[in-house]
Amino acid sequence: MNETIILTESLTKRFNCGLLARRSVEAVKDLTLEVKRGEVFAFLGPNGAGKTTTINLLMGFLKPSKGKVSVFGLPHGTAEMRKKIGYLSEGYAFYSFFTAPTLLDYFGKLYGISAQERQKKIEKLMNRLDLWQSRNLAIGRYSRGMRQRLGIIQALMNDPELLILDEPTSGFDPQGRKMVRELMLQLKAQGVTIFLSSHILSEVEAICDRVAIINRGELIKQGDLKEIVGAHIGYETRFANVEAKVIEELQSLGLKVEPVGDEFKTFTDDEHLGQRIIDIVRASGGLIKAFVPITRTLEDVFLELTGSNGADQQQEQQ
């Protein structure tokens, strides 16, 4: 896992816009990333942060305004580089009148895969992602989730060393997301490097090794998932069968006590104070229902860093 697969140094992309293109907008600003072989690297940010622009730079669809980008140490955007990559864009489109095998056979030909090998790959991958039973159905009749699965299959046709996925679980139900999560873990075990952009942070947290968070074109956090999320952030105590004076005593310690049905709950980031809460409740004859360490999630970190409220924002800059 020591070999560098993706490397960007001070990567910047400017777009000219406005009347007569007199105004310049930096969609990506001085971005420095390093992705190692065999890891799942999550590239996160709110809509409009510059994620898709960065992916387009990695793929060679755009040229940098400044800085450097390399994949496998190869020149930017070369055919040799792309042969090693499987790619699923967020805004893909397939010929609606094709069947899935016809479409995948076309992609296989582009990769120079023999007819016999193409047929084996198509059947194997369509079975793996539960599409083989729909092989005779026109793609135009596929549901959104089925089209997404087909998109993932086409990204795997060339047995890529690097998989770049932009919102791979968009449109999936929980069962579909589980299928894709298991597939990515299997690919990781086989040594495939995965560069993943997604808004479904719980899915990202379940599979990724390292994370980079970008906002308004700038990198604001990068590191191992465990380091970024950190350990638990405190303790929640739930209790019942207490009198009002117990609530008042806890509040006098600076604690916020909230009713939850027939119970109460309070939170503290101090383990010793948590133990004191338990002692106070028990001394009064109350009942401790739970004492639970609360952990910070990737979503918590994301919202803290980006100030995003999770609502839909402007469409990502291209």
Protein backbone atom coordinates (compact mmCIF):
# COMPACT_ATOMS: atom_id res chain seq x y z
CA MET A 1 0.00 0.00 0.00
CA ASN A 2 3.05 2.27 -0.15
CA GLU A 3 2.94 2.91 -3.89
CA THR A 4 1.39 6.25 -4.80
CA ILE A 5 -1.44 5.85 -7.33
CA ILE A 6 -2.87 9.39 -7.40
CA LEU A 7 -0.81 12.49 -6.69
CA THR A 8 -1.85 16.11 -7.05
CA GLU A 9 0.33 19.07 -6.09
CA SER A 10 -1.15 22.57 -5.77
CA LEU A 11 -3.75 21.53 -8.34
CA THR A 12 -5.84 24.50 -9.47
CA LYS A 13 -8.59 24.89 -12.05
CA ARG A 14 -10.00 28.27 -13.07
CA PHE A 15 -13.01 28.87 -15.29
CA ASN A 16 -13.70 32.13 -17.05
CA CYS A 17 -17.33 33.16 -16.83
CA GLY A 18 -19.64 36.13 -16.96
CA LEU A 19 -20.07 38.64 -19.75
CA LEU A 20 -17.18 38.29 -22.21
CA ALA A 21 -15.58 35.79 -19.81
CA ARG A 22 -14.04 38.63 -17.80
CA ARG A 23 -14.60 36.98 -14.43
CA SER A 24 -12.50 34.04 -13.24
CA VAL A 25 -13.76 31.41 -10.79
CA GLU A 26 -11.44 28.92 -9.10
CA ALA A 27 -13.33 25.64 -8.85
CA VAL A 28 -10.30 23.89 -7.36
CA LYS A 29 -7.61 25.77 -5.42
CA ASP A 30 -4.11 24.48 -4.61
CA LEU A 31 -5.30 20.92 -4.00
CA THR A 32 -2.65 18.46 -2.81
CA LEU A 33 -3.70 14.82 -2.45
CA GLU A 34 -1.94 11.48 -2.31
CA VAL A 35 -3.74 8.14 -2.70
CA LYS A 36 -1.88 4.89 -2.05
CA ARG A 37 -2.35 1.55 -3.77
CA GLY A 38 -5.05 -0.67 -2.32
CA GLU A 39 -6.83 1.89 -0.18
CA VAL A 40 -10.38 3.21 -0.32
CA PHE A 41 -10.03 6.98 -0.42
CA ALA A 42 -13.17 9.06 0.17
CA PHE A 43 -13.25 12.48 -1.48
CA LEU A 44 -16.03 14.46 0.16
CA GLY A 45 -17.59 17.89 0.05
CA PRO A 46 -20.92 19.70 -0.30
CA ASN A 47 -22.45 20.36 -3.69
CA GLY A 48 -20.41 22.95 -5.56
CA ALA A 49 -17.22 22.15 -3.62
CA GLY A 50 -15.23 21.10 -6.70
CA LYS A 51 -15.34 17.31 -6.40
CA THR A 52 -16.48 16.59 -9.96
CA THR A 53 -14.02 19.14 -11.34
CA THR A 54 -11.22 17.35 -9.47
CA ILE A 55 -12.31 13.98 -10.86
CA ASN A 56 -12.39 15.44 -14.37
CA LEU A 57 -8.83 16.67 -13.84
CA LEU A 58 -7.74 13.23 -12.65
CA MET A 59 -9.30 11.59 -15.71
CA GLY A 60 -7.71 14.10 -18.08
CA PHE A 61 -11.03 15.56 -19.25
CA LEU A 62 -9.83 18.98 -18.07
CA LYS A 63 -6.39 20.55 -18.03
CA PRO A 64 -5.10 22.19 -14.84
CA SER A 65 -4.74 25.95 -14.72
CA LYS A 66 -1.86 25.43 -12.29
CA GLY A 67 -0.19 22.62 -10.40
CA LYS A 68 0.44 18.97 -11.19
CA VAL A 69 -1.61 15.80 -11.38
CA SER A 70 -0.42 12.26 -12.05
CA VAL A 71 -2.06 8.84 -11.92
CA PHE A 72 0.18 5.75 -11.74
CA GLY A 73 3.03 8.20 -12.28
CA LEU A 74 1.93 8.48 -15.92
CA PRO A 75 1.44 11.64 -17.97
CA HIS A 76 -1.88 13.35 -17.41
CA GLY A 77 -4.82 12.04 -19.46
CA THR A 78 -2.93 9.48 -21.56
CA ALA A 79 -4.53 6.34 -23.01
CA GLU A 80 -2.02 4.23 -21.06
CA MET A 81 -3.25 5.79 -17.83
CA ARG A 82 -6.94 5.36 -18.67
CA LYS A 83 -6.52 1.68 -19.51
CA LYS A 84 -5.84 1.06 -15.83
CA ILE A 85 -8.87 2.99 -14.60
CA GLY A 86 -12.51 2.05 -14.19
CA TYR A 87 -14.69 5.16 -14.07
CA LEU A 88 -18.30 5.89 -13.19
CA SER A 89 -19.41 9.51 -13.51
CA GLU A 90 -22.36 10.96 -11.67
CA GLY A 91 -24.05 12.16 -14.85
CA TYR A 92 -23.60 9.14 -17.13
CA ALA A 93 -26.02 8.25 -19.95
CA PHE A 94 -26.45 4.98 -21.85
CA TYR A 95 -28.21 4.18 -25.13
CA SER A 96 -31.73 3.41 -23.96
CA PHE A 97 -32.48 0.97 -26.81
CA PHE A 98 -29.44 -1.22 -26.06
CA THR A 99 -29.64 -4.23 -23.80
CA ALA A 100 -27.05 -4.36 -21.03
CA PRO A 101 -24.98 -7.15 -22.67
CA THR A 102 -24.89 -5.18 -25.93
CA LEU A 103 -23.69 -2.07 -24.14
CA LEU A 104 -21.08 -3.94 -22.07
CA ASP A 105 -19.87 -5.79 -25.17
CA TYR A 106 -19.29 -2.40 -26.80
CA PHE A 107 -17.22 -1.21 -23.85
CA GLY A 108 -15.29 -4.48 -23.86
CA LYS A 109 -14.39 -3.97 -27.52
CA LEU A 110 -13.08 -0.49 -26.71
CA TYR A 111 -10.76 -2.09 -24.15
CA GLY A 112 -9.56 -4.65 -26.69
CA ILE A 113 -11.01 -7.63 -24.79
CA SER A 114 -11.59 -10.76 -26.87
CA ALA A 115 -15.15 -11.83 -27.69
CA GLN A 116 -14.92 -14.98 -25.55
CA GLU A 117 -13.51 -13.06 -22.58
CA ARG A 118 -16.13 -10.31 -23.00
CA GLN A 119 -18.95 -12.83 -22.72
CA LYS A 120 -17.45 -14.36 -19.57
CA LYS A 121 -16.98 -10.96 -17.93
CA ILE A 122 -20.45 -9.74 -18.84
CA GLU A 123 -22.21 -12.79 -17.40
CA LYS A 124 -20.05 -12.85 -14.27
CA LEU A 125 -20.44 -9.14 -13.46
CA MET A 126 -24.15 -9.01 -14.29
CA ASN A 127 -24.73 -11.95 -11.96
CA ARG A 128 -22.58 -10.35 -9.27
CA LEU A 129 -24.75 -7.21 -9.34
CA ASP A 130 -28.04 -9.05 -9.84
CA LEU A 131 -28.77 -7.89 -13.41
CA TRP A 132 -28.38 -11.09 -15.40
CA GLN A 133 -32.09 -11.87 -15.20
CA SER A 134 -32.76 -8.52 -16.94
CA ARG A 135 -30.25 -9.10 -19.75
CA ASN A 136 -32.87 -9.06 -22.50
CA LEU A 137 -34.55 -5.88 -21.27
CA ALA A 138 -33.81 -2.56 -22.99
CA ILE A 139 -31.82 -0.22 -20.74
CA GLY A 140 -34.51 2.42 -21.18
CA ARG A 141 -36.81 0.19 -19.11
CA TYR A 142 -34.33 -0.14 -16.25
CA SER A 143 -35.01 1.52 -12.92
CA ARG A 144 -32.53 4.11 -11.66
CA GLY A 145 -30.93 1.58 -9.35
CA MET A 146 -30.55 -0.95 -12.18
CA ARG A 147 -28.89 1.67 -14.40
CA GLN A 148 -26.54 2.53 -11.55
CA ARG A 149 -25.56 -1.12 -11.18
CA LEU A 150 -24.95 -1.27 -14.92
CA GLY A 151 -22.73 1.79 -14.63
CA ILE A 152 -20.64 0.06 -11.98
CA ILE A 153 -20.36 -3.04 -14.17
CA GLN A 154 -19.04 -1.04 -17.14
CA ALA A 155 -16.43 0.48 -14.81
CA LEU A 156 -15.21 -3.04 -13.96
CA MET A 157 -15.05 -4.45 -17.50
CA ASN A 158 -11.31 -3.79 -17.87
CA ASP A 159 -10.29 -5.23 -14.45
CA PRO A 160 -9.09 -1.80 -13.33
CA GLU A 161 -6.26 -1.18 -10.89
CA LEU A 162 -7.95 2.09 -9.93
CA LEU A 163 -11.69 2.62 -9.62
CA ILE A 164 -12.97 6.21 -9.64
CA LEU A 165 -16.61 6.40 -8.57
CA ASP A 166 -18.70 9.57 -8.42
CA GLU A 167 -21.83 8.92 -6.32
CA PRO A 168 -21.87 5.14 -6.95
CA THR A 169 -24.82 4.38 -4.63
CA SER A 170 -27.06 7.19 -5.85
CA GLY A 171 -30.56 5.85 -6.49
CA PHE A 172 -30.01 2.62 -4.56
CA ASP A 173 -32.28 1.18 -1.91
CA PRO A 174 -30.63 -0.22 1.27
CA GLN A 175 -30.26 -3.66 -0.30
CA GLY A 176 -28.53 -2.19 -3.34
CA ARG A 177 -26.19 -0.09 -1.20
CA LYS A 178 -25.26 -3.20 0.79
CA MET A 179 -24.50 -5.04 -2.46
CA VAL A 180 -22.19 -2.27 -3.67
CA ARG A 181 -20.52 -1.93 -0.27
CA GLU A 182 -19.71 -5.64 -0.24
CA LEU A 183 -18.41 -5.42 -3.81
CA MET A 184 -16.07 -2.55 -2.96
CA LEU A 185 -14.73 -4.37 0.09
CA GLN A 186 -14.11 -7.41 -2.10
CA LEU A 187 -12.28 -5.28 -4.69
CA LYS A 188 -10.21 -3.67 -1.93
CA ALA A 189 -9.21 -7.15 -0.68
CA GLN A 190 -8.03 -7.88 -4.24
CA GLY A 191 -5.76 -4.82 -4.18
CA VAL A 192 -7.89 -2.45 -6.24
CA THR A 193 -7.52 1.22 -5.30
CA ILE A 194 -10.86 3.03 -4.97
CA PHE A 195 -11.31 6.80 -5.18
CA LEU A 196 -14.86 7.46 -4.02
CA SER A 197 -17.02 10.57 -3.97
CA SER A 198 -20.36 10.25 -2.21
CA HIS A 199 -22.90 12.16 -0.13
CA ILE A 200 -23.99 9.00 1.72
CA LEU A 201 -21.49 9.39 4.53
CA SER A 202 -22.58 6.36 6.53
CA GLU A 203 -21.67 4.17 3.54
CA VAL A 204 -18.35 5.96 3.13
CA GLU A 205 -17.53 5.51 6.81
CA ALA A 206 -18.18 1.77 6.56
CA ILE A 207 -15.55 1.12 3.88
CA CYS A 208 -13.01 3.93 3.54
CA ASP A 209 -9.43 4.03 4.88
CA ARG A 210 -8.67 7.70 4.38
CA VAL A 211 -10.73 10.82 3.81
CA ALA A 212 -10.27 14.22 2.20
CA ILE A 213 -12.89 16.94 2.65
CA ILE A 214 -13.05 19.84 0.22
CA ASN A 215 -15.15 23.01 0.43
CA ARG A 216 -15.34 25.85 -2.07
CA GLY A 217 -12.47 24.31 -4.00
CA GLU A 218 -10.08 24.11 -1.05
CA LEU A 219 -8.92 21.11 0.94
CA ILE A 220 -9.95 21.57 4.58
CA LYS A 221 -9.18 18.14 6.04
CA GLN A 222 -7.26 15.02 5.00
CA GLY A 223 -6.18 11.95 6.92
CA ASP A 224 -6.99 8.47 8.19
CA LEU A 225 -10.67 7.94 8.94
CA LYS A 226 -9.99 7.00 12.56
CA GLU A 227 -7.92 10.14 13.09
CA ILE A 228 -10.52 12.42 11.53
CA VAL A 229 -13.51 10.95 13.31
CA GLY A 230 -11.62 10.41 16.55
CA ALA A 231 -12.67 8.50 19.64
CA HIS A 232 -15.93 8.91 21.56
CA ILE A 233 -16.99 12.47 22.40
CA GLY A 234 -18.83 11.85 25.65
CA TYR A 235 -21.37 9.83 27.56
CA GLU A 236 -25.16 9.77 27.56
CA THR A 237 -26.92 8.64 30.72
CA ARG A 238 -30.57 7.57 30.70
CA PHE A 239 -32.39 7.14 33.99
CA ALA A 240 -35.89 6.94 35.52
CA ASN A 241 -37.84 6.95 38.80
CA VAL A 242 -36.30 10.14 40.20
CA GLU A 243 -37.82 13.11 41.99
CA ALA A 244 -37.60 16.73 40.90
CA LYS A 245 -34.83 17.47 43.41
CA VAL A 246 -32.54 14.99 41.59
CA ILE A 247 -33.11 16.82 38.31
CA GLU A 248 -32.34 20.11 40.07
CA GLU A 249 -29.11 18.70 41.54
CA LEU A 250 -27.94 17.52 38.13
CA GLN A 251 -28.80 20.87 36.58
CA SER A 252 -26.79 22.60 39.32
CA LEU A 253 -23.75 20.74 37.94
CA GLY A 254 -24.27 22.47 34.60
CA LEU A 255 -25.96 19.51 32.99
CA LYS A 256 -28.88 19.69 30.57
CA VAL A 257 -31.52 17.13 31.55
CA GLU A 258 -34.15 16.22 28.95
CA PRO A 259 -37.29 14.11 29.36
CA VAL A 260 -37.64 11.16 26.97
CA GLY A 261 -41.00 9.50 27.53
CA ASP A 262 -40.98 8.11 31.08
CA GLU A 263 -37.20 8.55 31.32
CA PHE A 264 -34.63 11.35 31.41
CA LYS A 265 -31.33 11.73 29.60
CA THR A 266 -28.25 13.87 30.08
CA PHE A 267 -24.89 14.16 28.36
CA THR A 268 -21.37 14.96 29.51
CA ASP A 269 -17.94 14.80 27.91
CA ASP A 270 -16.37 14.11 31.33
CA GLU A 271 -16.21 10.43 32.31
CA HIS A 272 -15.84 11.26 36.02
CA LEU A 273 -18.92 13.50 35.90
CA GLY A 274 -20.73 10.66 34.17
CA GLN A 275 -19.94 8.40 37.10
CA ARG A 276 -21.15 11.09 39.49
CA ILE A 277 -24.47 11.26 37.62
CA ILE A 278 -24.88 7.52 38.13
CA ASP A 279 -24.08 7.84 41.85
CA ILE A 280 -26.58 10.70 42.34
CA VAL A 281 -29.39 8.83 40.60
CA ARG A 282 -28.75 5.57 42.44
CA ALA A 283 -28.43 7.31 45.82
CA SER A 284 -31.92 8.74 45.35
CA GLY A 285 -33.37 5.33 44.55
CA GLY A 286 -33.56 6.04 40.83
CA LEU A 287 -32.94 3.51 38.07
CA ILE A 288 -30.07 3.77 35.55
CA LYS A 289 -31.40 2.66 32.17
CA ALA A 290 -28.22 3.18 30.12
CA PHE A 291 -24.75 4.71 30.24
CA VAL A 292 -23.56 4.87 26.65
CA PRO A 293 -20.34 6.24 25.11
CA ILE A 294 -21.30 8.56 22.24
CA THR A 295 -19.02 8.49 19.20
CA ARG A 296 -18.63 11.19 16.59
CA THR A 297 -19.56 10.15 13.07
CA LEU A 298 -18.05 11.17 9.75
CA GLU A 299 -21.23 13.14 9.11
CA ASP A 300 -20.68 15.10 12.35
CA VAL A 301 -17.15 16.01 11.23
CA PHE A 302 -18.32 16.89 7.74
CA LEU A 303 -21.01 19.26 9.01
CA GLU A 304 -18.62 20.88 11.48
CA LEU A 305 -16.02 21.55 8.80
CA THR A 306 -18.26 22.63 5.93
CA GLY A 307 -21.06 24.35 7.82
CA SER A 308 -23.46 22.40 5.60
CA ASN A 309 -26.96 21.71 6.88
CA GLY A 310 -27.36 18.72 4.60
CA ALA A 311 -29.90 20.47 2.38
CA ASP A 312 -29.62 20.47 -1.37
CA GLN A 313 -27.32 23.18 -2.57
CA GLN A 314 -26.35 24.56 -5.92
CA GLN A 315 -25.31 22.03 -8.53
CA GLU A 316 -21.63 21.12 -8.45
CA GLN A 317 -19.29 23.24 -10.54
CA GLN A 318 -18.19 21.44 -13.66
